[in-house]
Amino acid sequence: MRRLSAAALIGVLAGAVHGAEPSPRKSGADFMSPSTQAMQRDDTQNPAMLWIQGGEALWNAKAGKADRSCASCHGDARTSMRGVAARYPAFDRAAGKAITLGQRIDMCRQGAQQAPALKPESDDLLSLESHVAMQSRGMPMAPPRDPGTRAAAERGRQLYTRRIGQLNLSCAQCHDDNWGRKLAGATIPQGHANAYPIYRLEWQAMGSLQRRLRNCMSGVRAEVPAFGAQELVDLEAYLALRAHGMPLETPGVRP
């Protein structure tokens, strides 16, 4: 394993010129300790299963003025939601833009159930999203090929390779050019988003991909978009395309 001090690595990153995407592609789980890998593999040890159980209860609970549950329309999530999470973000014609799985859940909640929107990053929304995503566990990431989703992914690619913040760094400089190196004692992964929502040990809670992206932007001292901002959705769309074919690992566990 290549090792650099934080100061030395920032110097390398600042002068790096972005090249090709990582090859071979490696999941973030490949960079974890054996104990954390085991925690993710074993559902009896994986703390994210608490949110999965909560999501299943919410799936079957009636809500809103319509007095309907998710199951009222979709039935058993184990069959109706199989493969769904692997296809998000995706362009939505009604919204006129690409949306995330969490946004799709909230649109259904407000429309079909006539219930209030769930707060971004709330336990209820993360639980529902995790429950839906788990039904696609092990399936390959398969982002849509339609023009709307492709356009969103292209905008996301541009953001991924753009230097931002006071540190003047891009996502690509870390996750494409310097993966496998150590930064402040932690190994830099390739940045594949195939395990979200995830349970992070540092958070002691579940979190969305946007929470992680916002953490990175804050880390390079850039202006941080609000949850749900279209630039974050577009960046998610690019990351899904970049992880095309990799197995979905939800619910993931990370350090």
C-alpha atoms as a PDB file:
ATOM      1  CA  MET A   1       0.000   0.000   0.000  1.00  0.00           C
ATOM      2  CA  ARG A   2       1.389   3.400  -0.990  1.00  0.00           C
ATOM      3  CA  ARG A   3       1.526   5.847   1.906  1.00  0.00           C
ATOM      4  CA  LEU A   4       1.742   9.622   1.957  1.00  0.00           C
ATOM      5  CA  SER A   5       1.286  12.147   4.703  1.00  0.00           C
ATOM      6  CA  ALA A   6      -1.770  14.338   4.412  1.00  0.00           C
ATOM      7  CA  ALA A   7       0.353  17.355   3.475  1.00  0.00           C
ATOM      8  CA  ALA A   8       2.339  15.406   0.870  1.00  0.00           C
ATOM      9  CA  LEU A   9      -0.742  13.887  -0.684  1.00  0.00           C
ATOM     10  CA  ILE A  10      -2.479  17.254  -0.962  1.00  0.00           C
ATOM     11  CA  GLY A  11       0.593  18.453  -2.836  1.00  0.00           C
ATOM     12  CA  VAL A  12       0.380  15.485  -5.195  1.00  0.00           C
ATOM     13  CA  LEU A  13      -3.323  16.034  -5.720  1.00  0.00           C
ATOM     14  CA  ALA A  14      -2.915  19.714  -6.415  1.00  0.00           C
ATOM     15  CA  GLY A  15      -0.553  18.952  -9.298  1.00  0.00           C
ATOM     16  CA  ALA A  16      -2.295  15.862 -10.603  1.00  0.00           C
ATOM     17  CA  VAL A  17      -3.739  15.757 -14.076  1.00  0.00           C
ATOM     18  CA  HIS A  18      -6.836  13.595 -14.274  1.00  0.00           C
ATOM     19  CA  GLY A  19      -6.463  10.550 -16.482  1.00  0.00           C
ATOM     20  CA  ALA A  20      -8.546   7.421 -16.998  1.00  0.00           C
ATOM     21  CA  GLU A  21     -11.026   5.932 -14.572  1.00  0.00           C
ATOM     22  CA  PRO A  22      -9.662   3.245 -12.214  1.00  0.00           C
ATOM     23  CA  SER A  23      -8.916  -0.155 -13.699  1.00  0.00           C
ATOM     24  CA  PRO A  24      -9.650  -2.692 -12.451  1.00  0.00           C
ATOM     25  CA  ARG A  25     -12.637  -1.271 -10.601  1.00  0.00           C
ATOM     26  CA  LYS A  26     -12.779  -2.056  -6.892  1.00  0.00           C
ATOM     27  CA  SER A  27     -15.663  -1.630  -4.484  1.00  0.00           C
ATOM     28  CA  GLY A  28     -15.119   0.498  -1.417  1.00  0.00           C
ATOM     29  CA  ALA A  29     -15.576  -2.720   0.567  1.00  0.00           C
ATOM     30  CA  ASP A  30     -12.276  -3.987  -0.878  1.00  0.00           C
ATOM     31  CA  PHE A  31     -10.427  -1.273   1.049  1.00  0.00           C
ATOM     32  CA  MET A  32     -12.032  -2.056   4.423  1.00  0.00           C
ATOM     33  CA  SER A  33     -10.634  -4.137   7.262  1.00  0.00           C
ATOM     34  CA  PRO A  34     -11.654  -7.812   7.398  1.00  0.00           C
ATOM     35  CA  SER A  35     -13.834  -7.116  10.446  1.00  0.00           C
ATOM     36  CA  THR A  36     -15.769  -4.354   8.665  1.00  0.00           C
ATOM     37  CA  GLN A  37     -16.138  -6.539   5.577  1.00  0.00           C
ATOM     38  CA  ALA A  38     -17.569  -9.280   7.757  1.00  0.00           C
ATOM     39  CA  MET A  39     -19.974  -6.795   9.356  1.00  0.00           C
ATOM     40  CA  GLN A  40     -21.333  -5.851   5.932  1.00  0.00           C
ATOM     41  CA  ARG A  41     -21.687  -9.467   4.779  1.00  0.00           C
ATOM     42  CA  ASP A  42     -23.479 -10.753   7.874  1.00  0.00           C
ATOM     43  CA  ASP A  43     -27.015  -9.388   8.234  1.00  0.00           C
ATOM     44  CA  THR A  44     -27.018 -10.354  11.917  1.00  0.00           C
ATOM     45  CA  GLN A  45     -24.027  -8.029  12.488  1.00  0.00           C
ATOM     46  CA  ASN A  46     -24.808  -5.296   9.974  1.00  0.00           C
ATOM     47  CA  PRO A  47     -26.202  -2.335  11.985  1.00  0.00           C
ATOM     48  CA  ALA A  48     -27.947  -1.036   8.839  1.00  0.00           C
ATOM     49  CA  MET A  49     -30.483  -3.841   9.189  1.00  0.00           C
ATOM     50  CA  LEU A  50     -32.187  -1.788  11.923  1.00  0.00           C
ATOM     51  CA  TRP A  51     -33.046   0.791   9.258  1.00  0.00           C
ATOM     52  CA  ILE A  52     -34.071  -1.962   6.821  1.00  0.00           C
ATOM     53  CA  GLN A  53     -36.536  -3.301   9.376  1.00  0.00           C
ATOM     54  CA  GLY A  54     -37.883   0.184   9.961  1.00  0.00           C
ATOM     55  CA  GLY A  55     -38.250   0.668   6.217  1.00  0.00           C
ATOM     56  CA  GLU A  56     -40.230  -2.541   5.879  1.00  0.00           C
ATOM     57  CA  ALA A  57     -42.625  -1.350   8.596  1.00  0.00           C
ATOM     58  CA  LEU A  58     -43.030   2.007   6.834  1.00  0.00           C
ATOM     59  CA  TRP A  59     -43.586   0.242   3.503  1.00  0.00           C
ATOM     60  CA  ASN A  60     -46.597  -1.538   4.964  1.00  0.00           C
ATOM     61  CA  ALA A  61     -47.948   1.347   7.072  1.00  0.00           C
ATOM     62  CA  LYS A  62     -50.842   3.424   5.746  1.00  0.00           C
ATOM     63  CA  ALA A  63     -50.215   7.160   5.629  1.00  0.00           C
ATOM     64  CA  GLY A  64     -51.632  10.426   4.374  1.00  0.00           C
ATOM     65  CA  LYS A  65     -55.099  11.551   3.405  1.00  0.00           C
ATOM     66  CA  ALA A  66     -55.341   8.648   0.954  1.00  0.00           C
ATOM     67  CA  ASP A  67     -54.839   6.186   3.829  1.00  0.00           C
ATOM     68  CA  ARG A  68     -52.623   4.043   1.618  1.00  0.00           C
ATOM     69  CA  SER A  69     -49.316   2.289   2.109  1.00  0.00           C
ATOM     70  CA  CYS A  70     -46.522   1.678  -0.376  1.00  0.00           C
ATOM     71  CA  ALA A  71     -47.663  -1.938  -0.394  1.00  0.00           C
ATOM     72  CA  SER A  72     -51.180  -0.853  -1.384  1.00  0.00           C
ATOM     73  CA  CYS A  73     -49.832   0.014  -4.826  1.00  0.00           C
ATOM     74  CA  HIS A  74     -46.662  -2.052  -5.125  1.00  0.00           C
ATOM     75  CA  GLY A  75     -47.359  -5.148  -3.068  1.00  0.00           C
ATOM     76  CA  ASP A  76     -44.428  -7.103  -1.664  1.00  0.00           C
ATOM     77  CA  ALA A  77     -41.238  -5.094  -2.141  1.00  0.00           C
ATOM     78  CA  ARG A  78     -39.210  -8.292  -2.431  1.00  0.00           C
ATOM     79  CA  THR A  79     -40.687  -8.820  -5.883  1.00  0.00           C
ATOM     80  CA  SER A  80     -41.999  -5.437  -7.053  1.00  0.00           C
ATOM     81  CA  MET A  81     -38.839  -3.505  -6.142  1.00  0.00           C
ATOM     82  CA  ARG A  82     -36.358  -6.059  -7.456  1.00  0.00           C
ATOM     83  CA  GLY A  83     -33.919  -4.181  -9.695  1.00  0.00           C
ATOM     84  CA  VAL A  84     -35.410  -0.730  -9.078  1.00  0.00           C
ATOM     85  CA  ALA A  85     -32.558   0.789  -7.035  1.00  0.00           C
ATOM     86  CA  ALA A  86     -30.006  -0.365  -9.618  1.00  0.00           C
ATOM     87  CA  ARG A  87     -31.645   1.994 -12.141  1.00  0.00           C
ATOM     88  CA  TYR A  88     -31.446   5.253 -10.160  1.00  0.00           C
ATOM     89  CA  PRO A  89     -30.880   8.177 -10.557  1.00  0.00           C
ATOM     90  CA  ALA A  90     -33.112   8.355 -13.618  1.00  0.00           C
ATOM     91  CA  PHE A  91     -34.770  11.043 -15.707  1.00  0.00           C
ATOM     92  CA  ASP A  92     -38.392  11.582 -14.714  1.00  0.00           C
ATOM     93  CA  ARG A  93     -40.663  13.059 -17.385  1.00  0.00           C
ATOM     94  CA  ALA A  94     -43.138  14.547 -14.916  1.00  0.00           C
ATOM     95  CA  ALA A  95     -40.383  16.295 -12.982  1.00  0.00           C
ATOM     96  CA  GLY A  96     -38.494  17.217 -16.149  1.00  0.00           C
ATOM     97  CA  LYS A  97     -35.160  16.256 -14.601  1.00  0.00           C
ATOM     98  CA  ALA A  98     -33.170  13.359 -13.222  1.00  0.00           C
ATOM     99  CA  ILE A  99     -34.211  12.279  -9.724  1.00  0.00           C
ATOM    100  CA  THR A 100     -32.812   9.975  -7.073  1.00  0.00           C
ATOM    101  CA  LEU A 101     -34.503   6.943  -5.577  1.00  0.00           C
ATOM    102  CA  GLY A 102     -35.210   8.933  -2.422  1.00  0.00           C
ATOM    103  CA  GLN A 103     -36.887  11.670  -4.454  1.00  0.00           C
ATOM    104  CA  ARG A 104     -38.962   9.055  -6.304  1.00  0.00           C
ATOM    105  CA  ILE A 105     -40.139   7.664  -2.965  1.00  0.00           C
ATOM    106  CA  ASP A 106     -41.117  11.130  -1.792  1.00  0.00           C
ATOM    107  CA  MET A 107     -42.980  11.868  -5.044  1.00  0.00           C
ATOM    108  CA  CYS A 108     -44.996   8.676  -4.557  1.00  0.00           C
ATOM    109  CA  ARG A 109     -45.633   9.575  -0.946  1.00  0.00           C
ATOM    110  CA  GLN A 110     -46.954  13.041  -1.807  1.00  0.00           C
ATOM    111  CA  GLY A 111     -48.905  11.912  -4.859  1.00  0.00           C
ATOM    112  CA  ALA A 112     -50.349   8.463  -4.158  1.00  0.00           C
ATOM    113  CA  GLN A 113     -50.535   8.727  -0.375  1.00  0.00           C
ATOM    114  CA  GLN A 114     -51.224  12.468  -0.178  1.00  0.00           C
ATOM    115  CA  ALA A 115     -48.809  12.606   2.724  1.00  0.00           C
ATOM    116  CA  PRO A 116     -46.246  15.287   3.633  1.00  0.00           C
ATOM    117  CA  ALA A 117     -42.777  14.984   2.160  1.00  0.00           C
ATOM    118  CA  LEU A 118     -40.181  13.305   4.330  1.00  0.00           C
ATOM    119  CA  LYS A 119     -37.290  15.447   5.474  1.00  0.00           C
ATOM    120  CA  PRO A 120     -34.057  14.863   3.510  1.00  0.00           C
ATOM    121  CA  GLU A 121     -31.668  12.583   5.397  1.00  0.00           C
ATOM    122  CA  SER A 122     -34.381  11.668   7.904  1.00  0.00           C
ATOM    123  CA  ASP A 123     -34.412   8.170   9.353  1.00  0.00           C
ATOM    124  CA  ASP A 124     -37.796   7.469   7.743  1.00  0.00           C
ATOM    125  CA  LEU A 125     -36.629   8.362   4.234  1.00  0.00           C
ATOM    126  CA  LEU A 126     -33.318   6.531   4.643  1.00  0.00           C
ATOM    127  CA  SER A 127     -35.167   3.500   6.000  1.00  0.00           C
ATOM    128  CA  LEU A 128     -37.590   3.356   3.084  1.00  0.00           C
ATOM    129  CA  GLU A 129     -34.818   3.895   0.554  1.00  0.00           C
ATOM    130  CA  SER A 130     -32.661   1.209   2.203  1.00  0.00           C
ATOM    131  CA  HIS A 131     -35.559  -1.257   2.242  1.00  0.00           C
ATOM    132  CA  VAL A 132     -36.208  -0.687  -1.461  1.00  0.00           C
ATOM    133  CA  ALA A 133     -32.511  -0.792  -2.351  1.00  0.00           C
ATOM    134  CA  MET A 134     -31.905  -4.024  -0.468  1.00  0.00           C
ATOM    135  CA  GLN A 135     -34.262  -5.828  -2.838  1.00  0.00           C
ATOM    136  CA  SER A 136     -31.664  -5.243  -5.584  1.00  0.00           C
ATOM    137  CA  ARG A 137     -28.685  -6.385  -3.520  1.00  0.00           C
ATOM    138  CA  GLY A 138     -26.260  -8.329  -5.693  1.00  0.00           C
ATOM    139  CA  MET A 139     -27.748  -7.056  -8.940  1.00  0.00           C
ATOM    140  CA  PRO A 140     -25.537  -5.065 -11.341  1.00  0.00           C
ATOM    141  CA  MET A 141     -25.823  -1.303 -11.442  1.00  0.00           C
ATOM    142  CA  ALA A 142     -27.814  -0.536 -14.592  1.00  0.00           C
ATOM    143  CA  PRO A 143     -28.329   3.231 -15.085  1.00  0.00           C
ATOM    144  CA  PRO A 144     -30.830   4.123 -17.828  1.00  0.00           C
ATOM    145  CA  ARG A 145     -29.574   4.996 -21.306  1.00  0.00           C
ATOM    146  CA  ASP A 146     -32.235   7.584 -22.150  1.00  0.00           C
ATOM    147  CA  PRO A 147     -31.107  11.084 -23.255  1.00  0.00           C
ATOM    148  CA  GLY A 148     -32.340  12.814 -20.089  1.00  0.00           C
ATOM    149  CA  THR A 149     -30.386  10.560 -17.731  1.00  0.00           C
ATOM    150  CA  ARG A 150     -27.349  10.665 -19.998  1.00  0.00           C
ATOM    151  CA  ALA A 151     -27.408  14.472 -20.032  1.00  0.00           C
ATOM    152  CA  ALA A 152     -27.567  14.526 -16.221  1.00  0.00           C
ATOM    153  CA  ALA A 153     -24.649  12.092 -16.014  1.00  0.00           C
ATOM    154  CA  GLU A 154     -22.592  14.269 -18.362  1.00  0.00           C
ATOM    155  CA  ARG A 155     -23.185  17.306 -16.171  1.00  0.00           C
ATOM    156  CA  GLY A 156     -22.190  15.153 -13.212  1.00  0.00           C
ATOM    157  CA  ARG A 157     -19.002  14.070 -14.993  1.00  0.00           C
ATOM    158  CA  GLN A 158     -18.061  17.682 -15.509  1.00  0.00           C
ATOM    159  CA  LEU A 159     -18.527  18.369 -11.804  1.00  0.00           C
ATOM    160  CA  TYR A 160     -16.575  15.213 -10.894  1.00  0.00           C
ATOM    161  CA  THR A 161     -13.544  16.424 -12.850  1.00  0.00           C
ATOM    162  CA  ARG A 162     -13.827  20.124 -11.907  1.00  0.00           C
ATOM    163  CA  ARG A 163     -11.509  21.556  -9.281  1.00  0.00           C
ATOM    164  CA  ILE A 164     -13.492  23.171  -6.482  1.00  0.00           C
ATOM    165  CA  GLY A 165     -12.988  24.787  -3.098  1.00  0.00           C
ATOM    166  CA  GLN A 166     -10.088  26.548  -1.455  1.00  0.00           C
ATOM    167  CA  LEU A 167      -7.983  23.397  -1.845  1.00  0.00           C
ATOM    168  CA  ASN A 168      -8.644  23.476  -5.619  1.00  0.00           C
ATOM    169  CA  LEU A 169      -9.238  19.734  -5.890  1.00  0.00           C
ATOM    170  CA  SER A 170     -11.614  17.570  -7.924  1.00  0.00           C
ATOM    171  CA  CYS A 171     -13.251  14.244  -7.092  1.00  0.00           C
ATOM    172  CA  ALA A 172     -11.208  12.635  -9.865  1.00  0.00           C
ATOM    173  CA  GLN A 173      -7.878  13.700  -8.402  1.00  0.00           C
ATOM    174  CA  CYS A 174      -8.548  11.604  -5.318  1.00  0.00           C
ATOM    175  CA  HIS A 175     -10.640   8.696  -6.557  1.00  0.00           C
ATOM    176  CA  ASP A 176      -9.205   8.160 -10.052  1.00  0.00           C
ATOM    177  CA  ASP A 177      -5.609   9.335  -9.740  1.00  0.00           C
ATOM    178  CA  ASN A 178      -4.674   8.490  -6.158  1.00  0.00           C
ATOM    179  CA  TRP A 179      -6.893   5.631  -5.000  1.00  0.00           C
ATOM    180  CA  GLY A 180      -5.123   3.160  -2.747  1.00  0.00           C
ATOM    181  CA  ARG A 181      -2.967   5.820  -1.131  1.00  0.00           C
ATOM    182  CA  LYS A 182      -3.369   6.887   2.477  1.00  0.00           C
ATOM    183  CA  LEU A 183      -4.778  10.266   3.434  1.00  0.00           C
ATOM    184  CA  ALA A 184      -4.691  11.087   7.149  1.00  0.00           C
ATOM    185  CA  GLY A 185      -4.500   7.363   7.934  1.00  0.00           C
ATOM    186  CA  ALA A 186      -7.460   6.366   5.745  1.00  0.00           C
ATOM    187  CA  THR A 187      -7.189   4.593   2.403  1.00  0.00           C
ATOM    188  CA  ILE A 188      -8.594   6.536  -0.548  1.00  0.00           C
ATOM    189  CA  PRO A 189     -11.149   4.294  -2.312  1.00  0.00           C
ATOM    190  CA  GLN A 190     -12.151   4.519  -5.960  1.00  0.00           C
ATOM    191  CA  GLY A 191     -15.378   6.289  -5.033  1.00  0.00           C
ATOM    192  CA  HIS A 192     -17.927   3.852  -6.442  1.00  0.00           C
ATOM    193  CA  ALA A 193     -21.437   4.556  -5.158  1.00  0.00           C
ATOM    194  CA  ASN A 194     -22.769   0.990  -5.217  1.00  0.00           C
ATOM    195  CA  ALA A 195     -23.577   0.536  -1.527  1.00  0.00           C
ATOM    196  CA  TYR A 196     -25.792   3.469  -0.564  1.00  0.00           C
ATOM    197  CA  PRO A 197     -27.535   4.199   1.710  1.00  0.00           C
ATOM    198  CA  ILE A 198     -24.731   3.018   3.968  1.00  0.00           C
ATOM    199  CA  TYR A 199     -23.973   2.762   7.652  1.00  0.00           C
ATOM    200  CA  ARG A 200     -20.749   4.616   8.432  1.00  0.00           C
ATOM    201  CA  LEU A 201     -19.000   3.814  11.676  1.00  0.00           C
ATOM    202  CA  GLU A 202     -17.873   7.439  11.988  1.00  0.00           C
ATOM    203  CA  TRP A 203     -21.508   8.568  11.733  1.00  0.00           C
ATOM    204  CA  GLN A 204     -22.913   5.764  13.899  1.00  0.00           C
ATOM    205  CA  ALA A 205     -25.931   5.998  11.603  1.00  0.00           C
ATOM    206  CA  MET A 206     -27.191   5.473   8.072  1.00  0.00           C
ATOM    207  CA  GLY A 207     -26.510   8.135   5.495  1.00  0.00           C
ATOM    208  CA  SER A 208     -27.217   8.895   1.862  1.00  0.00           C
ATOM    209  CA  LEU A 209     -24.750   9.325  -0.961  1.00  0.00           C
ATOM    210  CA  GLN A 210     -25.487  13.038  -0.906  1.00  0.00           C
ATOM    211  CA  ARG A 211     -24.393  13.221   2.710  1.00  0.00           C
ATOM    212  CA  ARG A 212     -21.054  11.714   1.706  1.00  0.00           C
ATOM    213  CA  LEU A 213     -20.686  14.006  -1.317  1.00  0.00           C
ATOM    214  CA  ARG A 214     -21.411  17.045   0.841  1.00  0.00           C
ATOM    215  CA  ASN A 215     -18.810  15.871   3.361  1.00  0.00           C
ATOM    216  CA  CYS A 216     -16.201  15.709   0.589  1.00  0.00           C
ATOM    217  CA  MET A 217     -17.123  19.171  -0.680  1.00  0.00           C
ATOM    218  CA  SER A 218     -16.838  20.550   2.830  1.00  0.00           C
ATOM    219  CA  GLY A 219     -13.474  18.801   3.169  1.00  0.00           C
ATOM    220  CA  VAL A 220     -12.002  20.686   0.208  1.00  0.00           C
ATOM    221  CA  ARG A 221     -13.549  23.891   1.577  1.00  0.00           C
ATOM    222  CA  ALA A 222     -16.028  24.332  -1.246  1.00  0.00           C
ATOM    223  CA  GLU A 223     -19.527  25.766  -1.144  1.00  0.00           C
ATOM    224  CA  VAL A 224     -21.807  22.869  -0.164  1.00  0.00           C
ATOM    225  CA  PRO A 225     -25.117  22.491  -2.062  1.00  0.00           C
ATOM    226  CA  ALA A 226     -28.304  21.753  -0.160  1.00  0.00           C
ATOM    227  CA  PHE A 227     -29.675  18.208  -0.035  1.00  0.00           C
ATOM    228  CA  GLY A 228     -31.576  17.551  -3.239  1.00  0.00           C
ATOM    229  CA  ALA A 229     -29.698  20.175  -5.262  1.00  0.00           C
ATOM    230  CA  GLN A 230     -29.701  19.207  -8.924  1.00  0.00           C
ATOM    231  CA  GLU A 231     -25.921  19.296  -9.169  1.00  0.00           C
ATOM    232  CA  LEU A 232     -25.750  16.583  -6.488  1.00  0.00           C
ATOM    233  CA  VAL A 233     -28.353  14.505  -8.332  1.00  0.00           C
ATOM    234  CA  ASP A 234     -26.382  14.909 -11.581  1.00  0.00           C
ATOM    235  CA  LEU A 235     -23.192  13.858  -9.799  1.00  0.00           C
ATOM    236  CA  GLU A 236     -25.008  10.781  -8.488  1.00  0.00           C
ATOM    237  CA  ALA A 237     -26.125  10.013 -12.046  1.00  0.00           C
ATOM    238  CA  TYR A 238     -22.519  10.083 -13.232  1.00  0.00           C
ATOM    239  CA  LEU A 239     -21.342   7.906 -10.358  1.00  0.00           C
ATOM    240  CA  ALA A 240     -24.055   5.365 -11.204  1.00  0.00           C
ATOM    241  CA  LEU A 241     -22.859   5.304 -14.816  1.00  0.00           C
ATOM    242  CA  ARG A 242     -19.249   5.003 -13.640  1.00  0.00           C
ATOM    243  CA  ALA A 243     -20.238   1.996 -11.487  1.00  0.00           C
ATOM    244  CA  HIS A 244     -22.258   0.371 -14.290  1.00  0.00           C
ATOM    245  CA  GLY A 245     -22.203  -3.423 -13.934  1.00  0.00           C
ATOM    246  CA  MET A 246     -20.850  -3.440 -10.375  1.00  0.00           C
ATOM    247  CA  PRO A 247     -23.061  -5.308  -7.882  1.00  0.00           C
ATOM    248  CA  LEU A 248     -25.280  -3.283  -5.593  1.00  0.00           C
ATOM    249  CA  GLU A 249     -24.162  -3.855  -1.979  1.00  0.00           C
ATOM    250  CA  THR A 250     -26.897  -2.024  -0.052  1.00  0.00           C
ATOM    251  CA  PRO A 251     -26.942  -1.928   2.908  1.00  0.00           C
ATOM    252  CA  GLY A 252     -23.238  -1.140   2.907  1.00  0.00           C
ATOM    253  CA  VAL A 253     -20.998  -0.542   5.918  1.00  0.00           C
ATOM    254  CA  ARG A 254     -18.009   1.774   5.790  1.00  0.00           C
ATOM    255  CA  PRO A 255     -15.477   3.023   8.372  1.00  0.00           C
END
